[in-house]
N, C-alpha and C. Protein backbone atom coordinates (compact mmCIF):
# COMPACT_ATOMS: atom_id res chain seq x y z
N MET A 1 5.22 94.03 167.47
CA MET A 1 3.82 94.16 167.16
C MET A 1 3.57 93.70 165.73
N LYS A 2 2.49 93.00 165.55
CA LYS A 2 2.14 92.54 164.21
C LYS A 2 1.64 93.72 163.38
N GLU A 3 1.93 93.67 162.08
CA GLU A 3 1.48 94.72 161.18
C GLU A 3 0.59 94.11 160.10
N PHE A 4 -0.46 94.82 159.77
CA PHE A 4 -1.43 94.33 158.80
C PHE A 4 -1.60 95.36 157.68
N THR A 5 -2.12 94.89 156.58
CA THR A 5 -2.41 95.77 155.46
C THR A 5 -3.89 96.10 155.49
N TRP A 6 -4.18 97.40 155.48
CA TRP A 6 -5.56 97.87 155.53
C TRP A 6 -5.88 98.63 154.26
N ASN A 7 -7.12 98.57 153.87
CA ASN A 7 -7.60 99.37 152.76
C ASN A 7 -7.47 100.84 153.15
N GLU A 8 -6.90 101.65 152.28
CA GLU A 8 -6.68 103.07 152.58
C GLU A 8 -8.00 103.78 152.89
N GLU A 9 -9.07 103.35 152.27
CA GLU A 9 -10.37 103.95 152.55
C GLU A 9 -10.82 103.70 153.99
N THR A 10 -10.45 102.55 154.53
CA THR A 10 -10.77 102.24 155.92
C THR A 10 -10.04 103.20 156.85
N ILE A 11 -8.76 103.40 156.61
CA ILE A 11 -7.97 104.31 157.43
C ILE A 11 -8.51 105.73 157.30
N ASP A 12 -8.81 106.16 156.08
CA ASP A 12 -9.37 107.50 155.86
C ASP A 12 -10.69 107.68 156.60
N TYR A 13 -11.54 106.66 156.54
CA TYR A 13 -12.84 106.74 157.21
C TYR A 13 -12.67 107.02 158.70
N PHE A 14 -11.80 106.24 159.35
CA PHE A 14 -11.63 106.42 160.79
C PHE A 14 -10.89 107.72 161.11
N ALA A 15 -9.96 108.15 160.26
CA ALA A 15 -9.29 109.44 160.48
C ALA A 15 -10.30 110.58 160.37
N ASP A 16 -11.19 110.51 159.40
CA ASP A 16 -12.24 111.53 159.27
C ASP A 16 -13.20 111.49 160.45
N LEU A 17 -13.49 110.31 160.94
CA LEU A 17 -14.36 110.15 162.10
C LEU A 17 -13.72 110.81 163.33
N TYR A 18 -12.41 110.70 163.43
CA TYR A 18 -11.69 111.36 164.53
C TYR A 18 -11.91 112.87 164.46
N ASP A 19 -11.80 113.44 163.27
CA ASP A 19 -12.00 114.88 163.11
C ASP A 19 -13.38 115.31 163.59
N LEU A 20 -14.36 114.45 163.40
CA LEU A 20 -15.73 114.78 163.78
C LEU A 20 -16.06 114.50 165.24
N ASN A 21 -15.51 113.39 165.78
CA ASN A 21 -15.98 112.91 167.08
C ASN A 21 -14.91 112.63 168.13
N GLY A 22 -13.65 112.74 167.82
CA GLY A 22 -12.60 112.51 168.81
C GLY A 22 -12.17 111.06 168.94
N TRP A 23 -11.10 110.88 169.72
CA TRP A 23 -10.47 109.57 169.83
C TRP A 23 -11.32 108.52 170.52
N ALA A 24 -12.04 108.89 171.55
CA ALA A 24 -12.84 107.89 172.28
C ALA A 24 -13.84 107.22 171.35
N HIS A 25 -14.50 108.03 170.54
CA HIS A 25 -15.48 107.49 169.59
C HIS A 25 -14.80 106.62 168.53
N VAL A 26 -13.66 107.08 168.03
CA VAL A 26 -12.92 106.31 167.02
C VAL A 26 -12.48 104.97 167.59
N ALA A 27 -11.97 104.98 168.81
CA ALA A 27 -11.52 103.72 169.43
C ALA A 27 -12.68 102.73 169.54
N GLN A 28 -13.85 103.20 169.93
CA GLN A 28 -15.01 102.32 170.03
C GLN A 28 -15.39 101.76 168.66
N ARG A 29 -15.37 102.61 167.65
CA ARG A 29 -15.75 102.18 166.30
C ARG A 29 -14.72 101.23 165.71
N VAL A 30 -13.42 101.49 165.94
CA VAL A 30 -12.38 100.59 165.44
C VAL A 30 -12.51 99.23 166.12
N LEU A 31 -12.74 99.22 167.41
CA LEU A 31 -12.91 97.95 168.11
C LEU A 31 -14.11 97.18 167.56
N SER A 32 -15.20 97.87 167.34
CA SER A 32 -16.38 97.22 166.77
C SER A 32 -16.06 96.68 165.37
N PHE A 33 -15.35 97.45 164.58
CA PHE A 33 -14.99 97.04 163.22
C PHE A 33 -14.13 95.78 163.23
N VAL A 34 -13.06 95.79 164.02
CA VAL A 34 -12.17 94.62 163.99
C VAL A 34 -12.82 93.40 164.63
N THR A 35 -13.76 93.63 165.55
CA THR A 35 -14.45 92.52 166.20
C THR A 35 -15.48 91.87 165.27
N HIS A 36 -16.21 92.69 164.53
CA HIS A 36 -17.33 92.18 163.76
C HIS A 36 -17.09 92.05 162.26
N GLU A 37 -16.13 92.77 161.73
CA GLU A 37 -15.93 92.80 160.27
C GLU A 37 -14.65 92.12 159.79
N CYS A 38 -13.76 91.79 160.69
CA CYS A 38 -12.47 91.21 160.29
C CYS A 38 -12.40 89.73 160.69
N ASP A 39 -11.71 88.96 159.88
CA ASP A 39 -11.49 87.55 160.17
C ASP A 39 -10.08 87.36 160.71
N LEU A 40 -9.96 86.63 161.80
CA LEU A 40 -8.66 86.35 162.39
C LEU A 40 -8.01 85.16 161.70
N GLU A 41 -6.69 85.23 161.54
CA GLU A 41 -5.94 84.15 160.90
C GLU A 41 -4.70 83.83 161.73
N ASP A 42 -4.28 82.60 161.72
CA ASP A 42 -2.98 82.14 162.24
C ASP A 42 -2.54 82.83 163.54
N GLY A 43 -3.30 82.68 164.59
CA GLY A 43 -2.89 83.19 165.90
C GLY A 43 -3.09 84.68 166.10
N GLU A 44 -3.70 85.36 165.15
CA GLU A 44 -3.97 86.79 165.32
C GLU A 44 -5.07 86.96 166.37
N THR A 45 -5.05 88.09 167.02
CA THR A 45 -6.10 88.41 167.98
C THR A 45 -6.79 89.71 167.57
N THR A 46 -7.95 89.90 168.12
CA THR A 46 -8.66 91.16 167.89
C THR A 46 -7.80 92.32 168.37
N GLN A 47 -7.09 92.12 169.47
CA GLN A 47 -6.21 93.16 170.00
C GLN A 47 -5.11 93.51 169.01
N ASP A 48 -4.54 92.50 168.32
CA ASP A 48 -3.52 92.75 167.29
C ASP A 48 -4.08 93.66 166.20
N LEU A 49 -5.26 93.31 165.71
CA LEU A 49 -5.88 94.10 164.65
C LEU A 49 -6.19 95.51 165.13
N PHE A 50 -6.76 95.62 166.32
CA PHE A 50 -7.10 96.92 166.88
C PHE A 50 -5.86 97.79 167.01
N ASN A 51 -4.80 97.26 167.62
CA ASN A 51 -3.57 98.03 167.83
C ASN A 51 -3.00 98.55 166.52
N ASP A 52 -2.95 97.71 165.51
CA ASP A 52 -2.38 98.10 164.23
C ASP A 52 -3.23 99.16 163.54
N LEU A 53 -4.53 98.93 163.50
CA LEU A 53 -5.40 99.88 162.80
C LEU A 53 -5.45 101.22 163.53
N ILE A 54 -5.54 101.21 164.84
CA ILE A 54 -5.64 102.47 165.58
C ILE A 54 -4.35 103.28 165.42
N MET A 55 -3.21 102.61 165.35
CA MET A 55 -1.94 103.33 165.13
C MET A 55 -1.90 103.96 163.75
N LYS A 56 -2.39 103.26 162.75
CA LYS A 56 -2.39 103.80 161.39
C LYS A 56 -3.38 104.96 161.26
N VAL A 57 -4.51 104.85 161.93
CA VAL A 57 -5.49 105.94 161.92
C VAL A 57 -4.90 107.16 162.65
N GLU A 58 -4.27 106.92 163.78
CA GLU A 58 -3.66 108.02 164.54
C GLU A 58 -2.58 108.72 163.72
N TYR A 59 -1.75 107.95 163.04
CA TYR A 59 -0.71 108.54 162.20
C TYR A 59 -1.33 109.41 161.12
N LYS A 60 -2.36 108.90 160.46
CA LYS A 60 -3.03 109.63 159.38
C LYS A 60 -3.66 110.92 159.91
N ALA A 61 -4.38 110.83 161.02
CA ALA A 61 -5.05 112.00 161.59
C ALA A 61 -4.02 113.04 162.04
N ASN A 62 -2.95 112.61 162.68
CA ASN A 62 -1.93 113.54 163.13
C ASN A 62 -1.20 114.17 161.96
N LYS A 63 -0.92 113.39 160.94
CA LYS A 63 -0.24 113.91 159.76
C LYS A 63 -1.07 115.03 159.12
N GLU A 64 -2.37 114.81 159.00
CA GLU A 64 -3.25 115.83 158.42
C GLU A 64 -3.26 117.09 159.29
N GLU A 65 -3.28 116.92 160.62
CA GLU A 65 -3.26 118.08 161.51
C GLU A 65 -1.94 118.84 161.39
N TYR A 66 -0.82 118.13 161.37
CA TYR A 66 0.49 118.78 161.26
C TYR A 66 0.62 119.53 159.94
N GLU A 67 0.12 118.94 158.87
CA GLU A 67 0.18 119.61 157.57
C GLU A 67 -0.65 120.89 157.59
N TRP A 68 -1.81 120.84 158.23
CA TRP A 68 -2.66 122.02 158.32
C TRP A 68 -1.98 123.11 159.14
N ILE A 69 -1.38 122.74 160.27
CA ILE A 69 -0.68 123.70 161.13
C ILE A 69 0.49 124.33 160.38
N GLU A 70 1.28 123.50 159.72
CA GLU A 70 2.42 124.03 158.98
C GLU A 70 1.99 124.97 157.87
N ALA A 71 0.93 124.63 157.17
CA ALA A 71 0.43 125.50 156.10
C ALA A 71 0.01 126.85 156.67
N ASN A 72 -0.67 126.84 157.80
CA ASN A 72 -1.10 128.09 158.42
C ASN A 72 0.08 128.90 158.95
N LEU A 73 1.07 128.25 159.51
CA LEU A 73 2.26 128.97 159.97
C LEU A 73 3.00 129.59 158.80
N HIS A 74 3.12 128.83 157.75
CA HIS A 74 3.79 129.34 156.54
C HIS A 74 3.03 130.54 155.98
N GLU A 75 1.71 130.45 155.98
CA GLU A 75 0.88 131.55 155.48
C GLU A 75 1.08 132.80 156.32
N LYS A 76 1.17 132.65 157.65
CA LYS A 76 1.39 133.80 158.54
C LYS A 76 2.76 134.40 158.34
N GLU A 77 3.75 133.56 158.04
CA GLU A 77 5.11 134.07 157.77
C GLU A 77 5.14 134.93 156.52
N LEU A 78 4.29 134.62 155.56
CA LEU A 78 4.24 135.38 154.32
C LEU A 78 3.53 136.72 154.49
N ASP A 79 2.71 136.84 155.53
CA ASP A 79 1.97 138.10 155.76
C ASP A 79 2.85 139.22 156.20
């Protein structure tokens, strides 16, 4: 799979959007973003951009959730 460099603010925006609206909404917005706001180069496809960005957003959103869960578990252990 091709990998791209994204602005961290872009990834944060979509990760925050996931927290508010869920994956289906994020997937639609990411697809719209890569379709209308990104320029394709050297054989890249919209699907390549979508796959890479959605994976990075998913990683970010899951990482934040795992950190929150671990913090809460740790807090309960201290009680």
